[in-house]
């Protein structure tokens, strides 16, 4: 600024600072006519409760007193065997199907609420393309939540069967669920194949079928289904020019899920899942009971160091392989990879103290890491 130039009004600078603060820490943009901040009396605290996520989209669940409609809950929510048109997510009028705006809002809350890794990753997309991306990720989250939220195998399989029927309705032009309604235009515009969605269901089936893996080949197959398939679906929605990009995105999703087994080891173990291969546990002298009981030891640190190094190398190599012409379009996936690497390093710095707690990055670090992903 040259001498004599006038400074911008203080109120303008303060307004910009408030907007940046809202984007980074709360994810809520302040509109020009809105009050700078809500009153403290009217504001409700938002507590972040972390849940085990086994797909490629870790998220934080905000508890603010308002819940998005869940198609498998009650009283306004349908059961797996019911028609979604009866109770479709329109809380004001339960008999009316969810509008496009309501469906998109549901997808945002389901897949990437403010503060989650996916929220910061999808900020890298142009605003006009975010609704489509949120719809794809919300579908993956709905499927991933089945085994995490349902403990009765019969009910879980019923939910999976319901989603298979819902995919049939989606591809026949009569979607019922809010996520499917949001996906309908995306399927048409992107020419998405039914097999891409069925592959996501396979990951949930594996979680319902087994909780241990004998060797790395078995774990790798799981990572393909639970991480690779959702990443490939997302790559189609983000867009690409190189025909190899979806397959390479699949590999990156596989690697991210492998890395998540390190950062979520404690959460997984408390839920009954031990993803580290049994032959590797035996090699390092660690038992599944040690993980479930939160037992730390030098052997456990050695096991985690090995798992960390393998997953880190896999993520680094897979991210570097995304074709240069498509790296900008695939930036959300690259951002998720960068965030997973940063979280793994944070866990390593804690000496892998993840059996009794869940470690996460601060909102500012998530914003910075996602923005810097290339």
Protein backbone atom coordinates (compact mmCIF):
# COMPACT_ATOMS: atom_id res chain seq x y z
CA UNK A 1 0.00 0.00 0.00
CA UNK A 2 1.38 3.42 -0.98
CA UNK A 3 1.67 6.36 1.37
CA UNK A 4 -1.54 8.33 1.36
CA UNK A 5 -3.74 5.38 0.44
CA UNK A 6 -6.72 5.10 2.72
CA UNK A 7 -7.08 2.03 4.90
CA UNK A 8 -10.12 -0.19 4.37
CA UNK A 9 -12.91 0.48 6.84
CA UNK A 10 -12.46 -1.34 10.11
CA UNK A 11 -15.90 -2.87 9.83
CA UNK A 12 -15.01 -4.39 6.43
CA UNK A 13 -11.84 -6.00 7.79
CA UNK A 14 -13.70 -7.28 10.82
CA UNK A 15 -16.39 -8.73 8.59
CA UNK A 16 -13.80 -10.61 6.51
CA UNK A 17 -12.22 -11.97 9.69
CA UNK A 18 -15.61 -13.17 10.94
CA UNK A 19 -16.34 -14.92 7.64
CA UNK A 20 -12.96 -16.70 7.66
CA UNK A 21 -13.50 -17.73 11.28
CA UNK A 22 -16.92 -19.15 10.46
CA UNK A 23 -15.69 -21.12 7.45
CA UNK A 24 -12.75 -22.67 9.28
CA UNK A 25 -14.21 -23.37 12.70
CA UNK A 26 -17.94 -23.78 12.17
CA UNK A 27 -18.44 -24.17 8.44
CA UNK A 28 -21.22 -21.59 8.42
CA UNK A 29 -20.98 -18.61 6.11
CA UNK A 30 -22.27 -15.26 7.41
CA UNK A 31 -24.53 -13.65 4.85
CA UNK A 32 -24.27 -9.88 4.30
CA UNK A 33 -27.57 -9.16 6.05
CA UNK A 34 -27.08 -11.60 8.90
CA UNK A 35 -26.15 -10.66 12.42
CA UNK A 36 -22.40 -11.00 13.09
CA UNK A 37 -22.90 -13.74 15.66
CA UNK A 38 -25.94 -15.36 17.25
CA UNK A 39 -26.60 -14.40 20.82
CA UNK A 40 -25.05 -16.67 23.42
CA UNK A 41 -28.44 -17.27 24.95
CA UNK A 42 -29.89 -18.50 21.69
CA UNK A 43 -26.91 -20.56 20.58
CA UNK A 44 -26.86 -24.28 21.29
CA UNK A 45 -23.56 -25.97 22.02
CA UNK A 46 -22.39 -28.48 19.43
CA UNK A 47 -20.64 -31.49 20.90
CA UNK A 48 -18.69 -33.71 18.54
CA UNK A 49 -19.26 -37.39 19.06
CA UNK A 50 -16.97 -39.63 17.06
CA UNK A 51 -18.22 -42.92 15.67
CA UNK A 52 -16.33 -45.77 14.01
CA UNK A 53 -16.27 -45.16 10.27
CA UNK A 54 -14.97 -47.87 7.98
CA UNK A 55 -15.44 -46.27 4.56
CA UNK A 56 -13.35 -43.45 3.10
CA UNK A 57 -15.25 -40.62 4.73
CA UNK A 58 -14.60 -40.16 8.46
CA UNK A 59 -16.99 -37.70 9.98
CA UNK A 60 -17.95 -36.03 13.22
CA UNK A 61 -21.58 -36.13 14.27
CA UNK A 62 -22.87 -32.80 15.57
CA UNK A 63 -25.45 -33.05 18.34
CA UNK A 64 -27.39 -29.80 18.16
CA UNK A 65 -30.85 -30.98 19.05
CA UNK A 66 -31.86 -31.45 15.38
CA UNK A 67 -31.51 -34.75 13.54
CA UNK A 68 -31.74 -35.36 9.84
CA UNK A 69 -34.40 -37.92 8.94
CA UNK A 70 -33.08 -41.46 9.14
CA UNK A 71 -34.99 -43.86 6.86
CA UNK A 72 -34.51 -46.77 9.23
CA UNK A 73 -35.58 -45.14 12.48
CA UNK A 74 -38.87 -44.03 14.07
CA UNK A 75 -41.30 -42.30 14.51
CA UNK A 76 -41.12 -40.27 11.26
CA UNK A 77 -38.69 -42.66 9.64
CA UNK A 78 -39.41 -45.71 7.59
CA UNK A 79 -38.36 -49.25 8.32
CA UNK A 80 -36.23 -51.21 5.82
CA UNK A 81 -39.27 -53.01 4.44
CA UNK A 82 -41.49 -49.92 4.06
CA UNK A 83 -41.99 -47.64 1.06
CA UNK A 84 -40.01 -44.45 1.49
CA UNK A 85 -42.76 -42.40 -0.14
CA UNK A 86 -44.82 -42.94 3.00
CA UNK A 87 -42.26 -41.20 5.21
CA UNK A 88 -39.65 -39.56 3.07
CA UNK A 89 -37.83 -37.11 5.25
CA UNK A 90 -40.15 -34.10 4.95
CA UNK A 91 -40.63 -33.42 8.65
CA UNK A 92 -43.25 -30.71 8.08
CA UNK A 93 -45.36 -33.06 5.96
CA UNK A 94 -44.24 -36.68 6.40
CA UNK A 95 -46.43 -37.86 3.52
CA UNK A 96 -44.64 -35.63 1.01
CA UNK A 97 -41.40 -36.80 -0.66
CA UNK A 98 -38.29 -34.84 0.23
CA UNK A 99 -37.70 -31.84 -2.01
CA UNK A 100 -34.35 -31.51 -3.83
CA UNK A 101 -33.23 -28.91 -1.29
CA UNK A 102 -34.19 -31.12 1.66
CA UNK A 103 -32.47 -34.12 0.06
CA UNK A 104 -29.26 -32.16 -0.50
CA UNK A 105 -29.33 -30.78 3.04
CA UNK A 106 -29.76 -34.29 4.40
CA UNK A 107 -26.77 -35.51 2.37
CA UNK A 108 -24.56 -32.70 3.68
CA UNK A 109 -25.47 -33.46 7.27
CA UNK A 110 -25.09 -37.19 6.79
CA UNK A 111 -21.75 -37.27 4.97
CA UNK A 112 -19.85 -34.10 5.77
CA UNK A 113 -21.10 -31.92 8.63
CA UNK A 114 -18.92 -28.91 9.51
CA UNK A 115 -15.75 -30.03 11.26
CA UNK A 116 -15.46 -33.37 9.47
CA UNK A 117 -12.60 -34.29 7.16
CA UNK A 118 -14.99 -34.60 4.22
CA UNK A 119 -16.36 -31.12 4.82
CA UNK A 120 -12.91 -29.60 4.33
CA UNK A 121 -12.11 -31.92 1.43
CA UNK A 122 -15.24 -30.94 -0.51
CA UNK A 123 -14.53 -27.25 0.00
CA UNK A 124 -11.95 -27.82 -2.73
CA UNK A 125 -14.75 -28.36 -5.26
CA UNK A 126 -16.61 -25.51 -6.99
CA UNK A 127 -19.87 -24.83 -5.07
CA UNK A 128 -21.94 -25.92 -8.06
CA UNK A 129 -20.49 -29.45 -7.88
CA UNK A 130 -20.63 -30.03 -4.14
CA UNK A 131 -24.22 -31.27 -3.92
CA UNK A 132 -23.46 -34.12 -6.31
CA UNK A 133 -20.35 -35.07 -4.33
CA UNK A 134 -22.21 -34.94 -1.02
CA UNK A 135 -24.91 -37.20 -2.43
CA UNK A 136 -22.36 -39.85 -3.47
CA UNK A 137 -20.56 -39.72 -0.13
CA UNK A 138 -23.86 -39.78 1.78
CA UNK A 139 -24.77 -43.03 0.03
CA UNK A 140 -21.43 -44.54 1.09
CA UNK A 141 -21.98 -43.30 4.64
CA UNK A 142 -25.48 -44.77 4.82
CA UNK A 143 -24.05 -48.16 3.87
CA UNK A 144 -21.05 -47.88 6.19
CA UNK A 145 -23.33 -46.97 9.10
CA UNK A 146 -25.31 -50.18 8.85
CA UNK A 147 -22.82 -52.42 10.64
CA UNK A 148 -21.71 -49.60 12.96
CA UNK A 149 -25.22 -48.80 14.21
CA UNK A 150 -26.97 -52.19 14.08
CA UNK A 151 -25.95 -55.06 16.32
CA UNK A 152 -28.56 -57.58 15.17
CA UNK A 153 -27.23 -59.33 12.03
CA UNK A 154 -30.76 -60.03 10.81
CA UNK A 155 -31.72 -56.36 10.94
CA UNK A 156 -28.44 -55.34 9.32
CA UNK A 157 -28.97 -57.73 6.42
CA UNK A 158 -32.55 -56.46 6.08
CA UNK A 159 -31.21 -52.93 5.74
CA UNK A 160 -28.74 -54.02 3.09
CA UNK A 161 -31.55 -55.76 1.20
CA UNK A 162 -33.63 -52.59 1.46
CA UNK A 163 -30.79 -50.58 -0.10
CA UNK A 164 -30.51 -53.07 -2.95
CA UNK A 165 -34.21 -52.50 -3.64
CA UNK A 166 -33.65 -48.76 -3.35
CA UNK A 167 -30.89 -48.93 -5.98
CA UNK A 168 -33.36 -50.69 -8.26
CA UNK A 169 -35.83 -47.85 -7.68
CA UNK A 170 -33.09 -45.28 -8.27
CA UNK A 171 -32.09 -46.75 -11.63
CA UNK A 172 -35.72 -47.19 -12.66
CA UNK A 173 -36.42 -43.50 -12.03
CA UNK A 174 -38.42 -43.82 -8.78
CA UNK A 175 -36.00 -43.16 -5.87
CA UNK A 176 -37.51 -43.03 -2.39
CA UNK A 177 -34.77 -42.22 0.11
CA UNK A 178 -33.51 -38.60 0.38
CA UNK A 179 -30.00 -39.74 -0.61
CA UNK A 180 -31.35 -41.55 -3.66
CA UNK A 181 -33.38 -38.51 -4.64
CA UNK A 182 -30.25 -36.39 -4.46
CA UNK A 183 -28.36 -39.01 -6.48
CA UNK A 184 -30.94 -39.30 -9.27
CA UNK A 185 -29.74 -36.31 -11.33
CA UNK A 186 -26.12 -37.28 -10.66
CA UNK A 187 -26.67 -40.78 -12.03
CA UNK A 188 -28.18 -39.34 -15.19
CA UNK A 189 -25.62 -36.57 -15.71
CA UNK A 190 -22.58 -38.73 -15.01
CA UNK A 191 -23.87 -41.95 -16.50
CA UNK A 192 -23.07 -43.90 -13.33
CA UNK A 193 -23.41 -47.68 -13.49
CA UNK A 194 -25.40 -49.77 -11.03
CA UNK A 195 -22.32 -51.98 -10.49
CA UNK A 196 -20.45 -49.02 -8.99
CA UNK A 197 -23.04 -48.78 -6.22
CA UNK A 198 -23.30 -52.55 -5.72
CA UNK A 199 -19.55 -52.63 -5.06
CA UNK A 200 -20.08 -50.29 -2.10
CA UNK A 201 -22.64 -52.69 -0.64
CA UNK A 202 -20.05 -55.48 -0.79
CA UNK A 203 -17.89 -53.69 1.78
CA UNK A 204 -20.76 -53.63 4.27
CA UNK A 205 -21.42 -57.31 3.60
CA UNK A 206 -17.82 -58.12 4.50
CA UNK A 207 -18.15 -56.27 7.82
CA UNK A 208 -21.26 -58.28 8.61
CA UNK A 209 -19.59 -61.54 7.63
CA UNK A 210 -16.29 -61.37 9.51
CA UNK A 211 -14.47 -59.41 12.20
CA UNK A 212 -10.96 -60.89 11.77
CA UNK A 213 -8.63 -61.47 8.82
CA UNK A 214 -6.08 -64.27 8.64
CA UNK A 215 -3.55 -62.49 6.44
CA UNK A 216 -2.88 -59.30 4.53
CA UNK A 217 -4.53 -60.68 1.38
CA UNK A 218 -7.85 -60.87 3.23
CA UNK A 219 -7.44 -57.39 4.70
CA UNK A 220 -6.52 -56.03 1.27
CA UNK A 221 -9.72 -57.47 -0.20
CA UNK A 222 -11.69 -55.75 2.55
CA UNK A 223 -9.96 -52.41 1.88
CA UNK A 224 -10.82 -52.77 -1.80
CA UNK A 225 -14.51 -53.15 -0.99
CA UNK A 226 -14.81 -50.72 1.93
CA UNK A 227 -12.47 -48.01 0.62
CA UNK A 228 -11.68 -48.59 -3.03
CA UNK A 229 -15.28 -48.91 -4.23
CA UNK A 230 -16.48 -45.67 -2.55
CA UNK A 231 -13.44 -43.80 -3.87
CA UNK A 232 -14.10 -45.02 -7.40
CA UNK A 233 -17.72 -43.88 -7.14
CA UNK A 234 -16.56 -40.49 -5.90
CA UNK A 235 -14.02 -40.20 -8.74
CA UNK A 236 -16.82 -40.62 -11.28
CA UNK A 237 -18.77 -37.83 -9.59
CA UNK A 238 -15.77 -35.48 -9.34
CA UNK A 239 -15.09 -35.98 -13.05
CA UNK A 240 -12.05 -37.10 -15.01
CA UNK A 241 -10.41 -36.92 -18.43
CA UNK A 242 -7.93 -39.79 -18.14
CA UNK A 243 -9.62 -43.20 -18.42
CA UNK A 244 -7.25 -44.62 -15.79
CA UNK A 245 -8.35 -42.18 -13.08
CA UNK A 246 -11.26 -44.21 -11.59
CA UNK A 247 -9.07 -47.31 -11.15
CA UNK A 248 -6.26 -45.22 -9.62
CA UNK A 249 -8.79 -43.53 -7.32
CA UNK A 250 -9.89 -47.02 -6.28
CA UNK A 251 -6.28 -47.77 -5.28
CA UNK A 252 -6.06 -44.54 -3.31
CA UNK A 253 -9.32 -45.29 -1.48
CA UNK A 254 -7.92 -48.73 -0.63
CA UNK A 255 -4.79 -47.12 0.82
CA UNK A 256 -6.73 -44.53 2.85
CA UNK A 257 -8.83 -47.29 4.39
CA UNK A 258 -5.67 -49.23 5.21
CA UNK A 259 -4.38 -46.12 6.98
CA UNK A 260 -7.64 -45.74 8.86
CA UNK A 261 -7.09 -49.13 10.42
CA UNK A 262 -4.13 -47.54 12.23
CA UNK A 263 -5.90 -44.38 13.42
CA UNK A 264 -9.13 -46.22 14.30
CA UNK A 265 -7.53 -49.29 15.88
CA UNK A 266 -9.01 -48.57 19.31
CA UNK A 267 -12.47 -47.65 18.05
CA UNK A 268 -12.55 -50.77 15.88
CA UNK A 269 -11.40 -53.02 18.71
CA UNK A 270 -14.02 -51.68 21.10
CA UNK A 271 -16.65 -52.46 18.47
CA UNK A 272 -15.32 -56.03 18.21
CA UNK A 273 -13.32 -55.59 14.98
CA UNK A 274 -9.60 -56.34 14.78
CA UNK A 275 -8.52 -55.64 11.23
CA UNK A 276 -4.80 -56.28 11.66
CA UNK A 277 -4.09 -59.71 10.10
CA UNK A 278 -3.84 -62.55 12.59
CA UNK A 279 -0.49 -63.72 11.23
CA UNK A 280 0.95 -60.23 11.78
CA UNK A 281 -0.43 -60.06 15.32
CA UNK A 282 1.31 -63.37 16.03
CA UNK A 283 4.55 -62.15 14.47
CA UNK A 284 4.66 -59.15 16.83
CA UNK A 285 3.35 -60.99 19.88
CA UNK A 286 0.11 -59.03 20.22
CA UNK A 287 -3.32 -60.62 20.71
CA UNK A 288 -6.76 -59.39 19.73
CA UNK A 289 -7.61 -59.35 23.45
CA UNK A 290 -4.71 -56.93 24.05
CA UNK A 291 -6.26 -54.47 21.59
CA UNK A 292 -9.77 -54.87 22.97
CA UNK A 293 -8.57 -54.45 26.56
CA UNK A 294 -6.47 -51.39 25.76
CA UNK A 295 -3.16 -53.02 26.68
CA UNK A 296 -0.15 -50.96 25.60
CA UNK A 297 3.28 -52.58 25.29
CA UNK A 298 6.51 -52.32 23.28
CA UNK A 299 5.18 -55.14 21.09
CA UNK A 300 2.05 -53.10 20.37
CA UNK A 301 4.12 -50.04 19.41
CA UNK A 302 6.22 -52.21 17.08
CA UNK A 303 3.06 -53.61 15.47
CA UNK A 304 1.60 -50.13 14.98
CA UNK A 305 4.87 -48.78 13.60
CA UNK A 306 4.84 -51.53 10.98
CA UNK A 307 1.19 -50.94 10.08
CA UNK A 308 1.76 -47.19 9.92
CA UNK A 309 4.77 -47.43 7.62
CA UNK A 310 3.01 -49.79 5.20
CA UNK A 311 -0.16 -47.70 5.04
CA UNK A 312 1.75 -44.43 4.72
CA UNK A 313 3.75 -45.72 1.78
CA UNK A 314 0.58 -47.04 0.13
CA UNK A 315 -1.22 -43.68 0.46
CA UNK A 316 1.81 -41.71 -0.76
CA UNK A 317 2.30 -43.92 -3.82
CA UNK A 318 -1.40 -44.03 -4.70
CA UNK A 319 -1.83 -40.25 -4.38
CA UNK A 320 1.21 -39.63 -6.60
CA UNK A 321 -0.26 -41.95 -9.26
CA UNK A 322 -3.40 -39.84 -9.89
CA UNK A 323 -2.93 -38.49 -13.44
CA UNK A 324 -1.81 -34.87 -13.60
CA UNK A 325 -4.68 -33.74 -15.91
CA UNK A 326 -7.21 -34.93 -13.31
CA UNK A 327 -5.49 -33.90 -10.08
CA UNK A 328 -7.49 -30.69 -9.84
CA UNK A 329 -10.81 -32.49 -10.35
CA UNK A 330 -9.81 -35.21 -7.90
CA UNK A 331 -8.57 -32.75 -5.28
CA UNK A 332 -11.17 -33.80 -2.66
CA UNK A 333 -9.80 -37.35 -2.76
CA UNK A 334 -6.23 -36.03 -2.60
CA UNK A 335 -7.27 -33.85 0.35
CA UNK A 336 -8.70 -36.89 2.17
CA UNK A 337 -5.38 -38.67 1.56
CA UNK A 338 -3.42 -35.69 2.94
CA UNK A 339 -5.67 -35.52 6.00
CA UNK A 340 -5.26 -39.23 6.65
CA UNK A 341 -1.46 -38.93 6.43
CA UNK A 342 -1.50 -36.00 8.86
CA UNK A 343 -3.73 -37.90 11.29
CA UNK A 344 -1.51 -40.98 11.12
CA UNK A 345 1.52 -38.86 11.93
CA UNK A 346 -0.36 -37.30 14.85
CA UNK A 347 -1.14 -40.79 16.15
CA UNK A 348 2.51 -41.79 15.78
CA UNK A 349 3.59 -38.70 17.74
CA UNK A 350 1.35 -39.87 20.60
CA UNK A 351 3.23 -43.21 20.61
CA UNK A 352 0.07 -44.82 19.20
CA UNK A 353 -2.09 -44.11 22.24
CA UNK A 354 -5.30 -44.90 20.38
CA UNK A 355 -6.68 -47.85 22.33
CA UNK A 356 -8.37 -45.70 24.96
CA UNK A 357 -9.07 -42.53 22.98
CA UNK A 358 -9.67 -41.21 19.49
CA UNK A 359 -7.18 -38.68 18.18
CA UNK A 360 -8.25 -36.10 15.63
CA UNK A 361 -6.87 -33.00 13.92
CA UNK A 362 -8.01 -29.52 14.85
CA UNK A 363 -10.36 -27.73 12.41
CA UNK A 364 -7.63 -25.28 11.43
CA UNK A 365 -5.20 -28.08 10.58
CA UNK A 366 -7.86 -29.88 8.56
CA UNK A 367 -8.60 -26.71 6.61
CA UNK A 368 -4.89 -26.06 5.98
CA UNK A 369 -3.99 -29.62 4.99
CA UNK A 370 -6.97 -29.97 2.67
CA UNK A 371 -6.26 -26.63 0.98
CA UNK A 372 -2.59 -27.54 0.43
CA UNK A 373 -3.34 -30.95 -1.11
CA UNK A 374 -2.09 -31.12 -4.69
